[in-house]
Amino acid sequence: MARVRIDAVEEAKTETFEATGDNYLNQLIAKYGEQNTQLNSLKKTVADMNNELKTAIKVSGYQNQSLVADGWDCKLSITDDIVVNEEKLIEVLKAHNIDAIKVEEHVDSDALEKLVYAGKLSEDVLLEIDRCNTTVKKERLTCTKAKGA
């Protein structure tokens, strides 16, 4: 019974489209094109403003503080994020014959994690692996409507 209902809906859609024909399709394409152009323009504008706001907050020294302006609450959070230098880590793993490298030569994190937790790696190797990590600054700007605004 459900299939009959779906078929009926499909037929209704087809009939509606056929009744409106190419005119409907032309209108839909034109409207989509206009809206998509506006969306892309807004995305670029917002991205530029996001970068400008982040810079202004950092220059002013207000990072990690809540700022309220005209009913908007903004905060630029800057945290340290660790990024693994995979090329360096692969060299370390190869040098110590550690089987945690996948065929495409990237680290099999699950296999490496199991070796670490099983205590199968020496202190020296763990220290060498740790040197493959790099700390980078991670910025996140959040703006929300302030409470009561």
N, C-alpha and C. Protein backbone atom coordinates (compact mmCIF):
# COMPACT_ATOMS: atom_id res chain seq x y z
N MET A 1 0.82 -1.19 0.00
CA MET A 1 0.00 0.00 0.00
C MET A 1 0.87 1.26 0.00
N ALA A 2 1.98 1.24 0.75
CA ALA A 2 2.85 2.40 0.80
C ALA A 2 3.43 2.70 -0.58
N ARG A 3 3.70 1.66 -1.35
CA ARG A 3 4.27 1.84 -2.68
C ARG A 3 3.29 2.57 -3.60
N VAL A 4 2.04 2.29 -3.48
CA VAL A 4 1.02 2.94 -4.30
C VAL A 4 1.02 4.44 -3.98
N ARG A 5 1.11 4.76 -2.72
CA ARG A 5 1.11 6.17 -2.32
C ARG A 5 2.32 6.89 -2.87
N ILE A 6 3.49 6.24 -2.82
CA ILE A 6 4.70 6.85 -3.35
C ILE A 6 4.55 7.07 -4.86
N ASP A 7 4.02 6.06 -5.56
CA ASP A 7 3.80 6.19 -7.00
C ASP A 7 2.86 7.35 -7.31
N ALA A 8 1.82 7.47 -6.50
CA ALA A 8 0.86 8.56 -6.72
C ALA A 8 1.53 9.92 -6.55
N VAL A 9 2.39 10.04 -5.55
CA VAL A 9 3.13 11.28 -5.32
C VAL A 9 4.06 11.56 -6.48
N GLU A 10 4.77 10.52 -6.94
CA GLU A 10 5.69 10.67 -8.08
C GLU A 10 4.93 11.16 -9.31
N GLU A 11 3.75 10.56 -9.57
CA GLU A 11 2.96 10.96 -10.73
C GLU A 11 2.50 12.41 -10.61
N ALA A 12 2.10 12.81 -9.41
CA ALA A 12 1.65 14.19 -9.19
C ALA A 12 2.79 15.17 -9.44
N LYS A 13 3.98 14.82 -8.98
CA LYS A 13 5.14 15.68 -9.21
C LYS A 13 5.41 15.80 -10.70
N THR A 14 5.38 14.66 -11.39
CA THR A 14 5.64 14.65 -12.83
C THR A 14 4.62 15.48 -13.57
N GLU A 15 3.33 15.30 -13.22
CA GLU A 15 2.27 16.06 -13.87
C GLU A 15 2.44 17.55 -13.63
N THR A 16 2.78 17.94 -12.39
CA THR A 16 2.98 19.35 -12.07
C THR A 16 4.12 19.92 -12.90
N PHE A 17 5.22 19.17 -12.97
CA PHE A 17 6.38 19.64 -13.72
C PHE A 17 6.04 19.75 -15.21
N GLU A 18 5.38 18.73 -15.74
CA GLU A 18 5.03 18.74 -17.16
C GLU A 18 4.06 19.88 -17.47
N ALA A 19 3.16 20.19 -16.55
CA ALA A 19 2.19 21.26 -16.78
C ALA A 19 2.89 22.62 -16.84
N THR A 20 3.89 22.80 -16.00
CA THR A 20 4.61 24.08 -15.97
C THR A 20 5.74 24.09 -16.99
N GLY A 21 6.27 22.91 -17.28
CA GLY A 21 7.25 22.73 -18.35
C GLY A 21 8.54 23.51 -18.19
N ASP A 22 9.07 23.89 -19.34
CA ASP A 22 10.37 24.55 -19.38
C ASP A 22 10.35 25.91 -18.69
N ASN A 23 9.19 26.58 -18.72
CA ASN A 23 9.08 27.88 -18.08
C ASN A 23 9.41 27.78 -16.59
N TYR A 24 8.84 26.77 -15.93
CA TYR A 24 9.10 26.56 -14.50
C TYR A 24 10.59 26.28 -14.28
N LEU A 25 11.15 25.41 -15.10
CA LEU A 25 12.56 25.06 -14.97
C LEU A 25 13.45 26.27 -15.19
N ASN A 26 13.14 27.08 -16.18
CA ASN A 26 13.91 28.29 -16.43
C ASN A 26 13.84 29.25 -15.25
N GLN A 27 12.64 29.41 -14.70
CA GLN A 27 12.47 30.30 -13.55
C GLN A 27 13.25 29.78 -12.33
N LEU A 28 13.17 28.48 -12.13
CA LEU A 28 13.86 27.86 -10.98
C LEU A 28 15.37 28.02 -11.11
N ILE A 29 15.89 27.78 -12.30
CA ILE A 29 17.34 27.92 -12.53
C ILE A 29 17.77 29.37 -12.31
N ALA A 30 17.01 30.31 -12.84
CA ALA A 30 17.35 31.73 -12.70
C ALA A 30 17.32 32.15 -11.23
N LYS A 31 16.27 31.73 -10.52
CA LYS A 31 16.16 32.10 -9.10
C LYS A 31 17.30 31.48 -8.29
N TYR A 32 17.58 30.21 -8.58
CA TYR A 32 18.69 29.53 -7.88
C TYR A 32 20.00 30.26 -8.16
N GLY A 33 20.26 30.61 -9.39
CA GLY A 33 21.49 31.30 -9.74
C GLY A 33 21.65 32.61 -9.00
N GLU A 34 20.56 33.39 -8.96
CA GLU A 34 20.60 34.67 -8.24
C GLU A 34 20.85 34.47 -6.75
N GLN A 35 20.10 33.55 -6.15
CA GLN A 35 20.24 33.29 -4.71
C GLN A 35 21.63 32.75 -4.38
N ASN A 36 22.15 31.87 -5.22
CA ASN A 36 23.47 31.28 -4.99
C ASN A 36 24.56 32.35 -5.10
N THR A 37 24.42 33.28 -6.05
CA THR A 37 25.37 34.38 -6.19
C THR A 37 25.36 35.24 -4.94
N GLN A 38 24.16 35.56 -4.43
CA GLN A 38 24.05 36.35 -3.21
C GLN A 38 24.67 35.62 -2.02
N LEU A 39 24.42 34.32 -1.93
CA LEU A 39 24.97 33.51 -0.83
C LEU A 39 26.49 33.52 -0.86
N ASN A 40 27.06 33.30 -2.04
CA ASN A 40 28.52 33.28 -2.16
C ASN A 40 29.12 34.63 -1.82
N SER A 41 28.45 35.70 -2.21
CA SER A 41 28.91 37.05 -1.88
C SER A 41 28.87 37.28 -0.38
N LEU A 42 27.78 36.84 0.27
CA LEU A 42 27.66 36.98 1.73
C LEU A 42 28.72 36.16 2.46
N LYS A 43 28.98 34.93 1.96
CA LYS A 43 30.00 34.09 2.59
C LYS A 43 31.36 34.78 2.56
N LYS A 44 31.70 35.40 1.42
CA LYS A 44 32.99 36.09 1.30
C LYS A 44 33.04 37.29 2.25
N THR A 45 31.95 38.06 2.27
CA THR A 45 31.89 39.24 3.15
C THR A 45 32.03 38.83 4.61
N VAL A 46 31.32 37.79 5.02
CA VAL A 46 31.37 37.34 6.41
C VAL A 46 32.76 36.79 6.74
N ALA A 47 33.38 36.07 5.82
CA ALA A 47 34.73 35.54 6.06
C ALA A 47 35.72 36.68 6.23
N ASP A 48 35.62 37.71 5.40
CA ASP A 48 36.50 38.86 5.52
C ASP A 48 36.28 39.58 6.86
N MET A 49 35.00 39.77 7.23
CA MET A 49 34.70 40.43 8.50
C MET A 49 35.17 39.59 9.68
N ASN A 50 35.05 38.26 9.57
CA ASN A 50 35.51 37.35 10.62
C ASN A 50 37.01 37.56 10.87
N ASN A 51 37.79 37.59 9.79
CA ASN A 51 39.24 37.79 9.92
C ASN A 51 39.55 39.17 10.50
N GLU A 52 38.83 40.20 10.03
CA GLU A 52 39.05 41.55 10.52
C GLU A 52 38.72 41.65 12.01
N LEU A 53 37.62 41.02 12.43
CA LEU A 53 37.22 41.04 13.83
C LEU A 53 38.22 40.30 14.71
N LYS A 54 38.69 39.15 14.25
CA LYS A 54 39.71 38.40 15.01
C LYS A 54 40.96 39.26 15.21
N THR A 55 41.40 39.91 14.13
CA THR A 55 42.60 40.75 14.22
C THR A 55 42.38 41.91 15.19
N ALA A 56 41.22 42.56 15.09
CA ALA A 56 40.93 43.70 15.97
C ALA A 56 40.88 43.27 17.43
N ILE A 57 40.29 42.12 17.71
CA ILE A 57 40.22 41.64 19.09
C ILE A 57 41.61 41.32 19.62
N LYS A 58 42.46 40.68 18.79
CA LYS A 58 43.82 40.35 19.23
C LYS A 58 44.64 41.61 19.47
N VAL A 59 44.56 42.59 18.55
CA VAL A 59 45.31 43.83 18.69
C VAL A 59 44.87 44.58 19.94
N SER A 60 43.58 44.53 20.25
CA SER A 60 43.05 45.21 21.44
C SER A 60 43.35 44.45 22.73
N GLY A 61 43.78 43.21 22.62
CA GLY A 61 44.10 42.42 23.80
C GLY A 61 42.90 41.81 24.50
N TYR A 62 41.80 41.64 23.79
CA TYR A 62 40.58 41.12 24.40
C TYR A 62 40.32 39.64 24.12
N GLN A 63 41.33 38.90 23.64
CA GLN A 63 41.09 37.48 23.37
C GLN A 63 40.75 36.76 24.67
N ASN A 64 39.91 35.74 24.53
CA ASN A 64 39.42 34.92 25.64
C ASN A 64 38.57 35.73 26.63
N GLN A 65 37.99 36.83 26.16
CA GLN A 65 37.08 37.63 26.98
C GLN A 65 35.79 37.84 26.21
N SER A 66 34.70 37.91 26.92
CA SER A 66 33.41 38.13 26.28
C SER A 66 33.23 39.62 26.03
N LEU A 67 32.87 39.96 24.80
CA LEU A 67 32.63 41.35 24.42
C LEU A 67 31.18 41.49 23.98
N VAL A 68 30.47 42.48 24.52
CA VAL A 68 29.07 42.69 24.16
C VAL A 68 28.95 44.04 23.47
N ALA A 69 28.31 44.02 22.28
CA ALA A 69 28.09 45.27 21.53
C ALA A 69 26.77 45.18 20.79
N ASP A 70 25.90 46.16 21.03
CA ASP A 70 24.61 46.24 20.33
C ASP A 70 23.83 44.92 20.35
N GLY A 71 23.82 44.27 21.49
CA GLY A 71 23.04 43.04 21.63
C GLY A 71 23.74 41.78 21.14
N TRP A 72 25.00 41.87 20.79
CA TRP A 72 25.75 40.71 20.33
C TRP A 72 26.88 40.42 21.29
N ASP A 73 27.05 39.16 21.63
CA ASP A 73 28.10 38.71 22.55
C ASP A 73 29.14 37.95 21.73
N CYS A 74 30.37 38.47 21.66
CA CYS A 74 31.42 37.84 20.87
C CYS A 74 32.60 37.48 21.76
N LYS A 75 33.26 36.39 21.40
CA LYS A 75 34.43 35.96 22.14
C LYS A 75 35.40 35.29 21.17
N LEU A 76 36.67 35.67 21.22
CA LEU A 76 37.70 35.03 20.43
C LEU A 76 38.49 34.12 21.37
N SER A 77 38.32 32.83 21.18
CA SER A 77 39.04 31.85 22.00
C SER A 77 40.28 31.41 21.25
N ILE A 78 41.42 31.49 21.90
CA ILE A 78 42.67 31.03 21.30
C ILE A 78 43.23 29.93 22.19
N THR A 79 43.37 28.77 21.61
CA THR A 79 43.88 27.62 22.35
C THR A 79 45.02 26.98 21.57
N ASP A 80 45.82 26.19 22.26
CA ASP A 80 46.89 25.45 21.61
C ASP A 80 46.33 24.13 21.10
N ASP A 81 46.71 23.78 19.90
CA ASP A 81 46.27 22.54 19.29
C ASP A 81 47.52 21.80 18.81
N ILE A 82 47.59 20.51 19.06
CA ILE A 82 48.76 19.73 18.67
C ILE A 82 48.52 19.09 17.32
N VAL A 83 49.47 19.31 16.41
CA VAL A 83 49.39 18.76 15.07
C VAL A 83 50.59 17.83 14.88
N VAL A 84 50.33 16.62 14.40
CA VAL A 84 51.39 15.64 14.22
C VAL A 84 52.07 15.86 12.87
N ASN A 85 53.39 15.90 12.87
CA ASN A 85 54.17 15.96 11.65
C ASN A 85 54.31 14.50 11.18
N GLU A 86 53.42 14.07 10.28
CA GLU A 86 53.36 12.66 9.89
C GLU A 86 54.65 12.19 9.23
N GLU A 87 55.27 13.04 8.40
CA GLU A 87 56.50 12.62 7.73
C GLU A 87 57.59 12.30 8.76
N LYS A 88 57.73 13.15 9.74
CA LYS A 88 58.73 12.94 10.79
C LYS A 88 58.39 11.70 11.61
N LEU A 89 57.10 11.52 11.93
CA LEU A 89 56.67 10.38 12.71
C LEU A 89 56.89 9.08 11.94
N ILE A 90 56.65 9.08 10.64
CA ILE A 90 56.90 7.89 9.83
C ILE A 90 58.37 7.51 9.87
N GLU A 91 59.25 8.50 9.79
CA GLU A 91 60.69 8.23 9.87
C GLU A 91 61.04 7.57 11.21
N VAL A 92 60.47 8.08 12.29
CA VAL A 92 60.74 7.53 13.63
C VAL A 92 60.24 6.10 13.71
N LEU A 93 59.02 5.86 13.23
CA LEU A 93 58.44 4.51 13.30
C LEU A 93 59.25 3.52 12.46
N LYS A 94 59.70 3.95 11.28
CA LYS A 94 60.52 3.08 10.43
C LYS A 94 61.86 2.77 11.10
N ALA A 95 62.47 3.79 11.69
CA ALA A 95 63.78 3.62 12.32
C ALA A 95 63.73 2.62 13.46
N HIS A 96 62.57 2.49 14.10
CA HIS A 96 62.43 1.58 15.24
C HIS A 96 61.61 0.34 14.88
N ASN A 97 61.39 0.11 13.58
CA ASN A 97 60.64 -1.05 13.10
C ASN A 97 59.28 -1.22 13.80
N ILE A 98 58.57 -0.12 13.94
CA ILE A 98 57.25 -0.14 14.58
C ILE A 98 56.21 -0.27 13.47
N ASP A 99 55.41 -1.32 13.54
CA ASP A 99 54.42 -1.60 12.50
C ASP A 99 53.13 -0.82 12.76
N ALA A 100 53.17 0.47 12.44
CA ALA A 100 51.98 1.31 12.61
C ALA A 100 51.86 2.27 11.42
N ILE A 101 52.35 1.81 10.25
CA ILE A 101 52.30 2.62 9.04
C ILE A 101 51.44 1.88 8.03
N LYS A 102 50.46 2.58 7.48
CA LYS A 102 49.60 1.97 6.47
C LYS A 102 50.30 1.97 5.12
N VAL A 103 49.75 1.26 4.17
CA VAL A 103 50.37 1.10 2.85
C VAL A 103 50.68 2.43 2.18
N GLU A 104 49.79 3.39 2.28
CA GLU A 104 50.01 4.69 1.64
C GLU A 104 51.00 5.53 2.42
N GLU A 105 51.68 4.95 3.35
CA GLU A 105 52.64 5.64 4.19
C GLU A 105 52.02 6.78 4.98
N HIS A 106 51.00 6.46 5.75
CA HIS A 106 50.56 7.37 6.80
C HIS A 106 50.35 6.54 8.05
N VAL A 107 50.40 7.19 9.16
CA VAL A 107 50.42 6.51 10.44
C VAL A 107 49.06 5.85 10.72
N ASP A 108 49.10 4.60 11.13
CA ASP A 108 47.92 3.88 11.57
C ASP A 108 47.77 4.21 13.06
N SER A 109 47.02 5.23 13.34
CA SER A 109 46.90 5.73 14.71
C SER A 109 46.38 4.68 15.67
N ASP A 110 45.44 3.85 15.21
CA ASP A 110 44.89 2.80 16.08
C ASP A 110 45.98 1.81 16.48
N ALA A 111 46.79 1.38 15.51
CA ALA A 111 47.86 0.42 15.80
C ALA A 111 48.89 1.03 16.73
N LEU A 112 49.25 2.29 16.48
CA LEU A 112 50.23 2.97 17.32
C LEU A 112 49.70 3.13 18.74
N GLU A 113 48.42 3.51 18.85
CA GLU A 113 47.80 3.68 20.17
C GLU A 113 47.82 2.37 20.96
N LYS A 114 47.52 1.27 20.29
CA LYS A 114 47.52 -0.04 20.95
C LYS A 114 48.92 -0.39 21.46
N LEU A 115 49.94 -0.09 20.65
CA LEU A 115 51.32 -0.36 21.07
C LEU A 115 51.70 0.49 22.29
N VAL A 116 51.29 1.73 22.28
CA VAL A 116 51.60 2.64 23.40
C VAL A 116 50.93 2.14 24.68
N TYR A 117 49.61 1.86 24.60
CA TYR A 117 48.87 1.44 25.79
C TYR A 117 49.28 0.05 26.28
N ALA A 118 49.78 -0.78 25.38
CA ALA A 118 50.23 -2.11 25.78
C ALA A 118 51.63 -2.06 26.39
N GLY A 119 52.26 -0.87 26.37
CA GLY A 119 53.59 -0.72 26.95
C GLY A 119 54.69 -1.38 26.13
N LYS A 120 54.48 -1.50 24.81
CA LYS A 120 55.43 -2.19 23.96
C LYS A 120 56.49 -1.27 23.36
N LEU A 121 56.45 0.01 23.72
CA LEU A 121 57.43 0.95 23.19
C LEU A 121 58.29 1.49 24.33
N SER A 122 59.59 1.60 24.05
CA SER A 122 60.51 2.08 25.10
C SER A 122 60.30 3.57 25.35
N GLU A 123 60.82 4.02 26.47
CA GLU A 123 60.72 5.44 26.85
C GLU A 123 61.38 6.32 25.79
N ASP A 124 62.54 5.87 25.27
CA ASP A 124 63.25 6.65 24.25
C ASP A 124 62.41 6.81 22.99
N VAL A 125 61.77 5.74 22.57
CA VAL A 125 60.93 5.78 21.37
C VAL A 125 59.73 6.69 21.61
N LEU A 126 59.12 6.60 22.77
CA LEU A 126 57.97 7.46 23.09
C LEU A 126 58.37 8.93 23.07
N LEU A 127 59.55 9.24 23.60
CA LEU A 127 60.02 10.63 23.59
C LEU A 127 60.27 11.10 22.16
N GLU A 128 60.83 10.22 21.33
CA GLU A 128 61.08 10.56 19.94
C GLU A 128 59.77 10.77 19.18
N ILE A 129 58.80 9.93 19.46
CA ILE A 129 57.47 10.07 18.84
C ILE A 129 56.83 11.38 19.28
N ASP A 130 56.99 11.73 20.56
CA ASP A 130 56.40 12.96 21.08
C ASP A 130 56.99 14.20 20.38
N ARG A 131 58.25 14.12 19.95
CA ARG A 131 58.87 15.25 19.25
C ARG A 131 58.29 15.44 17.85
N CYS A 132 57.44 14.54 17.41
CA CYS A 132 56.80 14.67 16.10
C CYS A 132 55.56 15.57 16.18
N ASN A 133 55.20 16.00 17.37
CA ASN A 133 54.04 16.87 17.56
C ASN A 133 54.45 18.32 17.51
N THR A 134 53.61 19.13 16.93
CA THR A 134 53.83 20.57 16.86
C THR A 134 52.61 21.25 17.48
N THR A 135 52.84 22.30 18.24
CA THR A 135 51.73 23.05 18.83
C THR A 135 51.43 24.26 17.95
N VAL A 136 50.18 24.41 17.58
CA VAL A 136 49.75 25.55 16.78
C VAL A 136 48.62 26.26 17.51
N LYS A 137 48.47 27.54 17.23
CA LYS A 137 47.38 28.31 17.82
C LYS A 137 46.10 28.05 17.03
N LYS A 138 45.04 27.81 17.73
CA LYS A 138 43.74 27.56 17.11
C LYS A 138 42.81 28.68 17.55
N GLU A 139 42.24 29.39 16.58
CA GLU A 139 41.36 30.51 16.88
C GLU A 139 39.92 30.15 16.55
N ARG A 140 39.01 30.53 17.45
CA ARG A 140 37.59 30.31 17.22
C ARG A 140 36.81 31.52 17.69
N LEU A 141 36.12 32.13 16.74
CA LEU A 141 35.32 33.31 17.06
C LEU A 141 33.86 32.89 17.12
N THR A 142 33.21 33.22 18.23
CA THR A 142 31.78 32.94 18.36
C THR A 142 31.04 34.24 18.65
N CYS A 143 29.97 34.45 17.94
CA CYS A 143 29.12 35.62 18.19
C CYS A 143 27.69 35.14 18.27
N THR A 144 27.03 35.46 19.36
CA THR A 144 25.65 35.06 19.53
C THR A 144 24.85 36.26 20.02
N LYS A 145 23.56 36.19 19.84
CA LYS A 145 22.69 37.25 20.33
C LYS A 145 22.81 37.27 21.85
N ALA A 146 23.09 38.42 22.42
CA ALA A 146 23.24 38.53 23.87
C ALA A 146 21.92 38.26 24.57
N LYS A 147 21.99 37.68 25.75
CA LYS A 147 20.76 37.37 26.51
C LYS A 147 20.03 38.65 26.85
N GLY A 148 18.73 38.62 26.64
CA GLY A 148 17.90 39.77 26.95
C GLY A 148 17.89 40.82 25.85
N ALA A 149 18.60 40.56 24.76
CA ALA A 149 18.65 41.56 23.68
C ALA A 149 17.53 41.37 22.69
